């Protein structure tokens, strides 16, 4: 399995609040520009969470093309900032790859259940 490496200095931005995840490349790129006041083609990773909290989408430009990644939890929810709008500062230290970045977003287990675990 190949890993998509992030360049040094890449930031990972969380879009606070709830995002309509029916949006694709164009809709999320527009949200990066208008709501987050950032450039979608900057090489940074932008992460969005849906209303239920079990799905996130990541938008990332690698210099050649725009990627749109999605992650859905079978159990639990992604822990997300309480802010209604805007951004939350990037993770530090920055993960080396996109899968590492997604795994850094903590998953909150539903009541009485275990959190999903990574199988090595």
C-alpha atoms as a PDB file:
ATOM      1  CA  UNK A   1       0.000   0.000   0.000  1.00  0.00           C
ATOM      2  CA  UNK A   2       1.456   3.362  -0.946  1.00  0.00           C
ATOM      3  CA  UNK A   3       1.135   6.335   1.370  1.00  0.00           C
ATOM      4  CA  UNK A   4       0.395   9.866   0.255  1.00  0.00           C
ATOM      5  CA  UNK A   5       3.093  11.987   1.853  1.00  0.00           C
ATOM      6  CA  UNK A   6       2.472  15.526   3.063  1.00  0.00           C
ATOM      7  CA  UNK A   7       5.119  18.188   2.474  1.00  0.00           C
ATOM      8  CA  UNK A   8       6.880  19.866   5.389  1.00  0.00           C
ATOM      9  CA  UNK A   9       4.921  22.887   6.556  1.00  0.00           C
ATOM     10  CA  UNK A  10       1.539  21.442   5.586  1.00  0.00           C
ATOM     11  CA  UNK A  11      -1.218  22.519   7.959  1.00  0.00           C
ATOM     12  CA  UNK A  12      -4.398  20.600   8.722  1.00  0.00           C
ATOM     13  CA  UNK A  13      -7.393  22.889   9.191  1.00  0.00           C
ATOM     14  CA  UNK A  14     -10.682  21.825  10.772  1.00  0.00           C
ATOM     15  CA  UNK A  15     -13.809  23.583   9.549  1.00  0.00           C
ATOM     16  CA  UNK A  16     -15.691  24.298  12.790  1.00  0.00           C
ATOM     17  CA  UNK A  17     -19.412  23.657  12.870  1.00  0.00           C
ATOM     18  CA  UNK A  18     -21.354  21.381  10.547  1.00  0.00           C
ATOM     19  CA  UNK A  19     -20.795  21.014   6.797  1.00  0.00           C
ATOM     20  CA  UNK A  20     -23.234  19.704   4.201  1.00  0.00           C
ATOM     21  CA  UNK A  21     -21.272  16.665   3.032  1.00  0.00           C
ATOM     22  CA  UNK A  22     -23.276  16.370  -0.174  1.00  0.00           C
ATOM     23  CA  UNK A  23     -20.801  18.974  -1.422  1.00  0.00           C
ATOM     24  CA  UNK A  24     -17.987  17.812  -3.640  1.00  0.00           C
ATOM     25  CA  UNK A  25     -14.808  19.389  -4.976  1.00  0.00           C
ATOM     26  CA  UNK A  26     -16.353  22.699  -6.021  1.00  0.00           C
ATOM     27  CA  UNK A  27     -18.629  23.197  -3.008  1.00  0.00           C
ATOM     28  CA  UNK A  28     -15.954  22.404  -0.433  1.00  0.00           C
ATOM     29  CA  UNK A  29     -13.370  24.505  -2.298  1.00  0.00           C
ATOM     30  CA  UNK A  30     -15.814  27.420  -2.193  1.00  0.00           C
ATOM     31  CA  UNK A  31     -16.311  26.909   1.539  1.00  0.00           C
ATOM     32  CA  UNK A  32     -12.531  26.946   2.084  1.00  0.00           C
ATOM     33  CA  UNK A  33     -12.356  30.322   0.327  1.00  0.00           C
ATOM     34  CA  UNK A  34     -15.455  32.038   1.728  1.00  0.00           C
ATOM     35  CA  UNK A  35     -15.813  30.630   5.247  1.00  0.00           C
ATOM     36  CA  UNK A  36     -12.246  29.688   6.169  1.00  0.00           C
ATOM     37  CA  UNK A  37     -10.549  32.535   4.243  1.00  0.00           C
ATOM     38  CA  UNK A  38      -7.922  30.123   2.900  1.00  0.00           C
ATOM     39  CA  UNK A  39      -6.917  28.923  -0.568  1.00  0.00           C
ATOM     40  CA  UNK A  40      -7.954  25.341  -1.449  1.00  0.00           C
ATOM     41  CA  UNK A  41      -4.908  25.023  -3.748  1.00  0.00           C
ATOM     42  CA  UNK A  42      -2.418  25.973  -1.004  1.00  0.00           C
ATOM     43  CA  UNK A  43      -1.369  22.390  -0.285  1.00  0.00           C
ATOM     44  CA  UNK A  44      -2.907  22.406   3.201  1.00  0.00           C
ATOM     45  CA  UNK A  45      -5.479  19.794   4.257  1.00  0.00           C
ATOM     46  CA  UNK A  46      -9.020  20.994   5.028  1.00  0.00           C
ATOM     47  CA  UNK A  47     -11.242  18.691   7.085  1.00  0.00           C
ATOM     48  CA  UNK A  48     -15.053  18.923   7.239  1.00  0.00           C
ATOM     49  CA  UNK A  49     -17.523  17.060   9.481  1.00  0.00           C
ATOM     50  CA  UNK A  50     -21.145  16.191   8.756  1.00  0.00           C
ATOM     51  CA  UNK A  51     -24.155  16.758  11.034  1.00  0.00           C
ATOM     52  CA  UNK A  52     -24.253  13.242  12.524  1.00  0.00           C
ATOM     53  CA  UNK A  53     -20.531  13.313  13.228  1.00  0.00           C
ATOM     54  CA  UNK A  54     -19.706   9.898  11.801  1.00  0.00           C
ATOM     55  CA  UNK A  55     -18.333  11.163   8.462  1.00  0.00           C
ATOM     56  CA  UNK A  56     -15.521  13.565   7.614  1.00  0.00           C
ATOM     57  CA  UNK A  57     -14.236  14.753   4.249  1.00  0.00           C
ATOM     58  CA  UNK A  58     -10.702  16.010   3.592  1.00  0.00           C
ATOM     59  CA  UNK A  59      -9.799  18.312   0.724  1.00  0.00           C
ATOM     60  CA  UNK A  60      -6.132  18.486  -0.322  1.00  0.00           C
ATOM     61  CA  UNK A  61      -4.168  19.775  -3.330  1.00  0.00           C
ATOM     62  CA  UNK A  62      -0.845  18.023  -4.031  1.00  0.00           C
ATOM     63  CA  UNK A  63       0.398  20.410  -6.723  1.00  0.00           C
ATOM     64  CA  UNK A  64      -0.970  18.229  -9.515  1.00  0.00           C
ATOM     65  CA  UNK A  65      -4.642  17.806  -8.643  1.00  0.00           C
ATOM     66  CA  UNK A  66      -7.259  18.139  -5.943  1.00  0.00           C
ATOM     67  CA  UNK A  67      -8.011  15.129  -3.710  1.00  0.00           C
ATOM     68  CA  UNK A  68     -11.259  14.521  -1.825  1.00  0.00           C
ATOM     69  CA  UNK A  69     -11.035  11.858   0.882  1.00  0.00           C
ATOM     70  CA  UNK A  70     -13.928  10.595   2.979  1.00  0.00           C
ATOM     71  CA  UNK A  71     -13.881   8.597   6.210  1.00  0.00           C
ATOM     72  CA  UNK A  72     -16.987   7.049   7.797  1.00  0.00           C
ATOM     73  CA  UNK A  73     -16.977   5.475  11.234  1.00  0.00           C
ATOM     74  CA  UNK A  74     -19.040   2.342  11.700  1.00  0.00           C
ATOM     75  CA  UNK A  75     -19.358   3.180  15.400  1.00  0.00           C
ATOM     76  CA  UNK A  76     -18.743   6.387  17.290  1.00  0.00           C
ATOM     77  CA  UNK A  77     -18.384   9.983  16.229  1.00  0.00           C
ATOM     78  CA  UNK A  78     -15.541  12.309  15.397  1.00  0.00           C
ATOM     79  CA  UNK A  79     -14.791  14.732  18.223  1.00  0.00           C
ATOM     80  CA  UNK A  80     -15.143  18.247  16.827  1.00  0.00           C
ATOM     81  CA  UNK A  81     -14.678  21.812  18.070  1.00  0.00           C
ATOM     82  CA  UNK A  82     -17.738  23.487  19.592  1.00  0.00           C
ATOM     83  CA  UNK A  83     -17.394  26.692  17.546  1.00  0.00           C
ATOM     84  CA  UNK A  84     -20.360  27.404  15.286  1.00  0.00           C
ATOM     85  CA  UNK A  85     -18.282  28.689  12.383  1.00  0.00           C
ATOM     86  CA  UNK A  86     -14.736  29.462  11.319  1.00  0.00           C
ATOM     87  CA  UNK A  87     -11.603  27.402  11.669  1.00  0.00           C
ATOM     88  CA  UNK A  88      -9.568  25.735  14.321  1.00  0.00           C
ATOM     89  CA  UNK A  89      -5.790  25.897  14.178  1.00  0.00           C
ATOM     90  CA  UNK A  90      -3.884  23.040  12.625  1.00  0.00           C
ATOM     91  CA  UNK A  91      -2.710  19.924  14.410  1.00  0.00           C
ATOM     92  CA  UNK A  92       0.842  19.972  15.756  1.00  0.00           C
ATOM     93  CA  UNK A  93       3.047  18.190  15.022  1.00  0.00           C
ATOM     94  CA  UNK A  94       1.799  17.685  11.477  1.00  0.00           C
ATOM     95  CA  UNK A  95       1.286  14.034  10.528  1.00  0.00           C
ATOM     96  CA  UNK A  96       3.440  12.709   7.692  1.00  0.00           C
ATOM     97  CA  UNK A  97       0.625  11.310   5.578  1.00  0.00           C
ATOM     98  CA  UNK A  98      -3.077  11.707   4.850  1.00  0.00           C
ATOM     99  CA  UNK A  99      -4.048   8.452   6.669  1.00  0.00           C
ATOM    100  CA  UNK A 100      -2.082   9.659   9.720  1.00  0.00           C
ATOM    101  CA  UNK A 101      -3.926  12.973   9.525  1.00  0.00           C
ATOM    102  CA  UNK A 102      -7.321  11.283   9.457  1.00  0.00           C
ATOM    103  CA  UNK A 103      -6.409   9.001  12.349  1.00  0.00           C
ATOM    104  CA  UNK A 104      -5.349  12.036  14.413  1.00  0.00           C
ATOM    105  CA  UNK A 105      -8.968  13.235  14.456  1.00  0.00           C
ATOM    106  CA  UNK A 106     -10.175  11.465  17.590  1.00  0.00           C
ATOM    107  CA  UNK A 107     -13.220   9.210  17.471  1.00  0.00           C
ATOM    108  CA  UNK A 108     -15.668   9.343  20.365  1.00  0.00           C
ATOM    109  CA  UNK A 109     -17.371   5.992  21.032  1.00  0.00           C
ATOM    110  CA  UNK A 110     -21.152   5.919  21.458  1.00  0.00           C
ATOM    111  CA  UNK A 111     -22.387   5.259  24.983  1.00  0.00           C
ATOM    112  CA  UNK A 112     -21.486   1.755  26.112  1.00  0.00           C
ATOM    113  CA  UNK A 113     -19.389   0.847  23.073  1.00  0.00           C
ATOM    114  CA  UNK A 114     -15.682   0.714  22.376  1.00  0.00           C
ATOM    115  CA  UNK A 115     -14.029   3.137  20.004  1.00  0.00           C
ATOM    116  CA  UNK A 116     -12.913   1.742  16.636  1.00  0.00           C
ATOM    117  CA  UNK A 117      -9.322   0.592  16.772  1.00  0.00           C
ATOM    118  CA  UNK A 118      -6.568   0.499  14.188  1.00  0.00           C
ATOM    119  CA  UNK A 119      -5.495  -3.008  13.236  1.00  0.00           C
ATOM    120  CA  UNK A 120      -1.787  -3.274  12.475  1.00  0.00           C
END
